[in-house]
Amino acid sequence: MKKKEDISLSSEVDQRFPKFKKKVAKEDSLKKDIKEFRLQVSAMSYEDSLNCLESILHKLQNTEVHLDEIQRNYIEGSIYLEHCESLLDDFEQKVQKITPDKLNKLIDE
């Protein structure tokens, strides 16, 4: 629980530094947006995620992009890339579990 002094100090900081308060609110909103975006991307296939990543790269290479948009594209691209890498890692693990015996059984079927 916050003490009375903490509350008054917090409101004093808010009054003296309104841009700081807006920046913190913007960062909190960005964190929430990133979390929601990660959830959406996690449901995507490897191919869809890779296509979105390529689209971002194409846009950055061929158009004039504002700084805020560059930051957003960087974050989104990082999430797409992370998802693709995760899917590839999962697939690699499955492939490594295939032993010669298992492969022969699949061929014989």
N, C-alpha and C. Protein backbone atom coordinates (compact mmCIF):
# COMPACT_ATOMS: atom_id res chain seq x y z
N MET A 1 0.85 -1.18 0.00
CA MET A 1 0.00 0.00 0.00
C MET A 1 0.89 1.24 0.00
N LYS A 2 0.50 2.24 -0.77
CA LYS A 2 1.30 3.46 -0.86
C LYS A 2 1.08 4.33 0.37
N LYS A 3 2.17 4.92 0.79
CA LYS A 3 2.09 5.87 1.90
C LYS A 3 1.62 7.21 1.36
N LYS A 4 1.14 8.04 2.27
CA LYS A 4 0.65 9.35 1.87
C LYS A 4 1.77 10.17 1.23
N GLU A 5 3.00 10.04 1.76
CA GLU A 5 4.12 10.80 1.20
C GLU A 5 4.40 10.33 -0.23
N ASP A 6 4.31 9.01 -0.45
CA ASP A 6 4.56 8.47 -1.79
C ASP A 6 3.55 9.01 -2.79
N ILE A 7 2.29 9.07 -2.38
CA ILE A 7 1.23 9.57 -3.25
C ILE A 7 1.45 11.03 -3.58
N SER A 8 1.79 11.83 -2.57
CA SER A 8 1.99 13.25 -2.83
C SER A 8 3.23 13.47 -3.69
N LEU A 9 4.27 12.68 -3.48
CA LEU A 9 5.47 12.79 -4.30
C LEU A 9 5.15 12.40 -5.74
N SER A 10 4.38 11.33 -5.89
CA SER A 10 4.00 10.88 -7.23
C SER A 10 3.20 11.96 -7.96
N SER A 11 2.24 12.57 -7.30
CA SER A 11 1.44 13.61 -7.95
C SER A 11 2.28 14.85 -8.22
N GLU A 12 3.25 15.11 -7.35
CA GLU A 12 4.15 16.25 -7.58
C GLU A 12 5.00 16.00 -8.83
N VAL A 13 5.51 14.79 -8.96
CA VAL A 13 6.29 14.44 -10.15
C VAL A 13 5.41 14.56 -11.40
N ASP A 14 4.16 14.07 -11.31
CA ASP A 14 3.23 14.17 -12.44
C ASP A 14 3.00 15.62 -12.85
N GLN A 15 2.89 16.50 -11.87
CA GLN A 15 2.63 17.91 -12.16
C GLN A 15 3.87 18.59 -12.73
N ARG A 16 5.02 18.26 -12.19
CA ARG A 16 6.24 18.93 -12.63
C ARG A 16 6.78 18.38 -13.95
N PHE A 17 6.47 17.12 -14.23
CA PHE A 17 7.00 16.47 -15.43
C PHE A 17 5.88 15.75 -16.20
N PRO A 18 4.95 16.52 -16.77
CA PRO A 18 3.83 15.87 -17.46
C PRO A 18 4.27 15.03 -18.66
N LYS A 19 5.36 15.42 -19.30
CA LYS A 19 5.85 14.63 -20.44
C LYS A 19 6.32 13.26 -19.98
N PHE A 20 6.90 13.21 -18.78
CA PHE A 20 7.35 11.93 -18.23
C PHE A 20 6.16 11.01 -18.01
N LYS A 21 5.09 11.55 -17.48
CA LYS A 21 3.89 10.76 -17.24
C LYS A 21 3.33 10.23 -18.56
N LYS A 22 3.31 11.08 -19.59
CA LYS A 22 2.82 10.65 -20.90
C LYS A 22 3.73 9.57 -21.49
N LYS A 23 5.04 9.73 -21.29
CA LYS A 23 5.99 8.76 -21.81
C LYS A 23 5.80 7.40 -21.14
N VAL A 24 5.61 7.40 -19.84
CA VAL A 24 5.38 6.16 -19.10
C VAL A 24 4.08 5.51 -19.57
N ALA A 25 3.04 6.31 -19.74
CA ALA A 25 1.76 5.79 -20.22
C ALA A 25 1.92 5.21 -21.62
N LYS A 26 2.68 5.88 -22.46
CA LYS A 26 2.91 5.40 -23.83
C LYS A 26 3.68 4.08 -23.81
N GLU A 27 4.68 3.98 -22.93
CA GLU A 27 5.46 2.74 -22.82
C GLU A 27 4.59 1.60 -22.32
N ASP A 28 3.71 1.87 -21.36
CA ASP A 28 2.79 0.85 -20.85
C ASP A 28 1.86 0.38 -21.97
N SER A 29 1.38 1.32 -22.76
CA SER A 29 0.50 0.99 -23.88
C SER A 29 1.25 0.16 -24.92
N LEU A 30 2.50 0.53 -25.18
CA LEU A 30 3.32 -0.20 -26.14
C LEU A 30 3.56 -1.64 -25.67
N LYS A 31 3.84 -1.81 -24.38
CA LYS A 31 4.05 -3.16 -23.83
C LYS A 31 2.79 -4.01 -24.01
N LYS A 32 1.64 -3.41 -23.77
CA LYS A 32 0.38 -4.12 -23.93
C LYS A 32 0.16 -4.50 -25.40
N ASP A 33 0.44 -3.55 -26.30
CA ASP A 33 0.29 -3.80 -27.73
C ASP A 33 1.22 -4.93 -28.19
N ILE A 34 2.45 -4.92 -27.68
CA ILE A 34 3.42 -5.95 -28.06
C ILE A 34 2.95 -7.32 -27.58
N LYS A 35 2.44 -7.37 -26.36
CA LYS A 35 1.95 -8.63 -25.82
C LYS A 35 0.81 -9.18 -26.68
N GLU A 36 -0.12 -8.31 -27.06
CA GLU A 36 -1.24 -8.73 -27.91
C GLU A 36 -0.75 -9.16 -29.29
N PHE A 37 0.21 -8.43 -29.83
CA PHE A 37 0.75 -8.75 -31.15
C PHE A 37 1.45 -10.11 -31.13
N ARG A 38 2.24 -10.37 -30.07
CA ARG A 38 2.91 -11.67 -29.93
C ARG A 38 1.89 -12.81 -29.94
N LEU A 39 0.79 -12.60 -29.26
CA LEU A 39 -0.26 -13.61 -29.20
C LEU A 39 -0.83 -13.87 -30.59
N GLN A 40 -1.08 -12.81 -31.35
CA GLN A 40 -1.60 -12.98 -32.72
C GLN A 40 -0.59 -13.71 -33.61
N VAL A 41 0.67 -13.34 -33.51
CA VAL A 41 1.70 -13.94 -34.35
C VAL A 41 1.90 -15.40 -33.98
N SER A 42 1.75 -15.74 -32.72
CA SER A 42 1.96 -17.13 -32.29
C SER A 42 0.99 -18.10 -32.96
N ALA A 43 -0.13 -17.60 -33.46
CA ALA A 43 -1.10 -18.45 -34.14
C ALA A 43 -0.81 -18.57 -35.65
N MET A 44 0.20 -17.86 -36.13
CA MET A 44 0.50 -17.85 -37.56
C MET A 44 1.38 -19.02 -37.95
N SER A 45 1.28 -19.39 -39.21
CA SER A 45 2.17 -20.42 -39.75
C SER A 45 3.55 -19.80 -40.02
N TYR A 46 4.51 -20.66 -40.26
CA TYR A 46 5.85 -20.19 -40.59
C TYR A 46 5.82 -19.34 -41.86
N GLU A 47 5.13 -19.84 -42.87
CA GLU A 47 5.08 -19.16 -44.17
C GLU A 47 4.43 -17.78 -44.05
N ASP A 48 3.32 -17.70 -43.31
CA ASP A 48 2.63 -16.41 -43.14
C ASP A 48 3.51 -15.42 -42.39
N SER A 49 4.15 -15.90 -41.35
CA SER A 49 5.02 -15.04 -40.56
C SER A 49 6.21 -14.55 -41.39
N LEU A 50 6.78 -15.44 -42.18
CA LEU A 50 7.90 -15.07 -43.04
C LEU A 50 7.47 -14.06 -44.11
N ASN A 51 6.28 -14.25 -44.67
CA ASN A 51 5.76 -13.29 -45.65
C ASN A 51 5.57 -11.91 -45.05
N CYS A 52 5.08 -11.84 -43.83
CA CYS A 52 4.91 -10.54 -43.15
C CYS A 52 6.27 -9.89 -42.89
N LEU A 53 7.24 -10.68 -42.50
CA LEU A 53 8.59 -10.17 -42.27
C LEU A 53 9.18 -9.62 -43.57
N GLU A 54 9.01 -10.35 -44.65
CA GLU A 54 9.51 -9.89 -45.95
C GLU A 54 8.81 -8.61 -46.39
N SER A 55 7.53 -8.50 -46.10
CA SER A 55 6.78 -7.29 -46.44
C SER A 55 7.33 -6.07 -45.69
N ILE A 56 7.64 -6.25 -44.43
CA ILE A 56 8.22 -5.16 -43.64
C ILE A 56 9.56 -4.75 -44.23
N LEU A 57 10.40 -5.72 -44.54
CA LEU A 57 11.72 -5.41 -45.11
C LEU A 57 11.59 -4.69 -46.44
N HIS A 58 10.66 -5.14 -47.27
CA HIS A 58 10.43 -4.49 -48.56
C HIS A 58 9.98 -3.03 -48.37
N LYS A 59 9.07 -2.83 -47.44
CA LYS A 59 8.57 -1.47 -47.19
C LYS A 59 9.70 -0.55 -46.70
N LEU A 60 10.53 -1.06 -45.82
CA LEU A 60 11.62 -0.25 -45.27
C LEU A 60 12.67 0.07 -46.34
N GLN A 61 12.85 -0.82 -47.28
CA GLN A 61 13.86 -0.61 -48.31
C GLN A 61 13.37 0.30 -49.43
N ASN A 62 12.06 0.34 -49.66
CA ASN A 62 11.55 1.02 -50.85
C ASN A 62 10.70 2.26 -50.60
N THR A 63 10.53 2.66 -49.37
CA THR A 63 9.72 3.85 -49.11
C THR A 63 10.38 4.71 -48.03
N GLU A 64 9.95 5.95 -47.99
CA GLU A 64 10.38 6.81 -46.90
C GLU A 64 9.49 6.51 -45.70
N VAL A 65 10.11 6.22 -44.59
CA VAL A 65 9.38 5.80 -43.40
C VAL A 65 9.75 6.73 -42.25
N HIS A 66 8.76 7.18 -41.51
CA HIS A 66 8.99 8.04 -40.35
C HIS A 66 9.64 7.23 -39.23
N LEU A 67 10.32 7.93 -38.36
CA LEU A 67 11.05 7.29 -37.27
C LEU A 67 10.14 6.42 -36.40
N ASP A 68 8.96 6.92 -36.05
CA ASP A 68 8.03 6.13 -35.23
C ASP A 68 7.64 4.83 -35.93
N GLU A 69 7.45 4.92 -37.24
CA GLU A 69 7.06 3.74 -38.00
C GLU A 69 8.22 2.76 -38.11
N ILE A 70 9.44 3.27 -38.18
CA ILE A 70 10.62 2.40 -38.21
C ILE A 70 10.68 1.61 -36.92
N GLN A 71 10.45 2.28 -35.79
CA GLN A 71 10.48 1.59 -34.50
C GLN A 71 9.41 0.50 -34.45
N ARG A 72 8.21 0.82 -34.90
CA ARG A 72 7.11 -0.15 -34.88
C ARG A 72 7.44 -1.33 -35.80
N ASN A 73 7.97 -1.02 -36.99
CA ASN A 73 8.34 -2.09 -37.92
C ASN A 73 9.46 -2.97 -37.35
N TYR A 74 10.40 -2.35 -36.66
CA TYR A 74 11.49 -3.12 -36.05
C TYR A 74 10.93 -4.08 -35.01
N ILE A 75 10.04 -3.59 -34.17
CA ILE A 75 9.45 -4.44 -33.13
C ILE A 75 8.64 -5.57 -33.76
N GLU A 76 7.80 -5.24 -34.72
CA GLU A 76 6.99 -6.27 -35.38
C GLU A 76 7.88 -7.28 -36.10
N GLY A 77 8.89 -6.79 -36.81
CA GLY A 77 9.80 -7.68 -37.51
C GLY A 77 10.53 -8.61 -36.57
N SER A 78 10.93 -8.08 -35.42
CA SER A 78 11.61 -8.91 -34.42
C SER A 78 10.69 -10.02 -33.91
N ILE A 79 9.43 -9.70 -33.73
CA ILE A 79 8.46 -10.69 -33.25
C ILE A 79 8.21 -11.75 -34.33
N TYR A 80 8.06 -11.32 -35.59
CA TYR A 80 7.91 -12.30 -36.68
C TYR A 80 9.13 -13.21 -36.76
N LEU A 81 10.32 -12.61 -36.70
CA LEU A 81 11.55 -13.39 -36.79
C LEU A 81 11.66 -14.37 -35.62
N GLU A 82 11.37 -13.91 -34.43
CA GLU A 82 11.41 -14.77 -33.25
C GLU A 82 10.46 -15.96 -33.42
N HIS A 83 9.27 -15.70 -33.96
CA HIS A 83 8.28 -16.75 -34.17
C HIS A 83 8.79 -17.76 -35.21
N CYS A 84 9.35 -17.26 -36.31
CA CYS A 84 9.89 -18.16 -37.34
C CYS A 84 11.00 -19.03 -36.76
N GLU A 85 11.90 -18.43 -36.00
CA GLU A 85 12.99 -19.18 -35.40
C GLU A 85 12.47 -20.25 -34.44
N SER A 86 11.44 -19.90 -33.68
CA SER A 86 10.85 -20.84 -32.74
C SER A 86 10.23 -22.03 -33.48
N LEU A 87 9.50 -21.75 -34.56
CA LEU A 87 8.90 -22.82 -35.34
C LEU A 87 9.96 -23.72 -35.97
N LEU A 88 11.03 -23.11 -36.47
CA LEU A 88 12.12 -23.90 -37.04
C LEU A 88 12.81 -24.76 -35.98
N ASP A 89 13.00 -24.20 -34.80
CA ASP A 89 13.60 -24.97 -33.70
C ASP A 89 12.73 -26.17 -33.34
N ASP A 90 11.41 -25.94 -33.26
CA ASP A 90 10.49 -27.04 -32.96
C ASP A 90 10.57 -28.12 -34.02
N PHE A 91 10.59 -27.70 -35.28
CA PHE A 91 10.66 -28.66 -36.38
C PHE A 91 11.98 -29.43 -36.34
N GLU A 92 13.06 -28.72 -36.05
CA GLU A 92 14.37 -29.38 -35.96
C GLU A 92 14.37 -30.44 -34.86
N GLN A 93 13.75 -30.12 -33.74
CA GLN A 93 13.66 -31.10 -32.65
C GLN A 93 12.90 -32.34 -33.09
N LYS A 94 11.83 -32.16 -33.83
CA LYS A 94 11.04 -33.30 -34.32
C LYS A 94 11.85 -34.14 -35.31
N VAL A 95 12.60 -33.48 -36.18
CA VAL A 95 13.41 -34.20 -37.16
C VAL A 95 14.51 -34.99 -36.46
N GLN A 96 15.11 -34.41 -35.44
CA GLN A 96 16.18 -35.09 -34.73
C GLN A 96 15.68 -36.32 -33.99
N LYS A 97 14.39 -36.36 -33.67
CA LYS A 97 13.82 -37.52 -32.98
C LYS A 97 13.57 -38.69 -33.92
N ILE A 98 13.69 -38.45 -35.21
CA ILE A 98 13.49 -39.53 -36.17
C ILE A 98 14.76 -40.37 -36.21
N THR A 99 14.62 -41.59 -35.79
CA THR A 99 15.76 -42.52 -35.80
C THR A 99 15.67 -43.37 -37.06
N PRO A 100 16.75 -44.03 -37.41
CA PRO A 100 16.69 -44.91 -38.58
C PRO A 100 15.60 -45.98 -38.46
N ASP A 101 15.42 -46.50 -37.25
CA ASP A 101 14.36 -47.51 -37.06
C ASP A 101 12.98 -46.93 -37.33
N LYS A 102 12.73 -45.75 -36.82
CA LYS A 102 11.43 -45.10 -37.04
C LYS A 102 11.23 -44.78 -38.52
N LEU A 103 12.29 -44.36 -39.16
CA LEU A 103 12.20 -44.04 -40.58
C LEU A 103 11.90 -45.30 -41.40
N ASN A 104 12.55 -46.38 -41.08
CA ASN A 104 12.29 -47.64 -41.77
C ASN A 104 10.86 -48.10 -41.58
N LYS A 105 10.33 -47.94 -40.39
CA LYS A 105 8.94 -48.32 -40.13
C LYS A 105 7.99 -47.47 -40.97
N LEU A 106 8.28 -46.18 -41.10
CA LEU A 106 7.44 -45.31 -41.91
C LEU A 106 7.50 -45.70 -43.38
N ILE A 107 8.67 -46.08 -43.84
CA ILE A 107 8.84 -46.47 -45.25
C ILE A 107 8.12 -47.78 -45.52
N ASP A 108 8.19 -48.71 -44.56
CA ASP A 108 7.56 -50.02 -44.73
C ASP A 108 6.03 -49.95 -44.71
N GLU A 109 5.47 -48.93 -44.13
CA GLU A 109 4.01 -48.83 -44.02
C GLU A 109 3.36 -48.49 -45.28
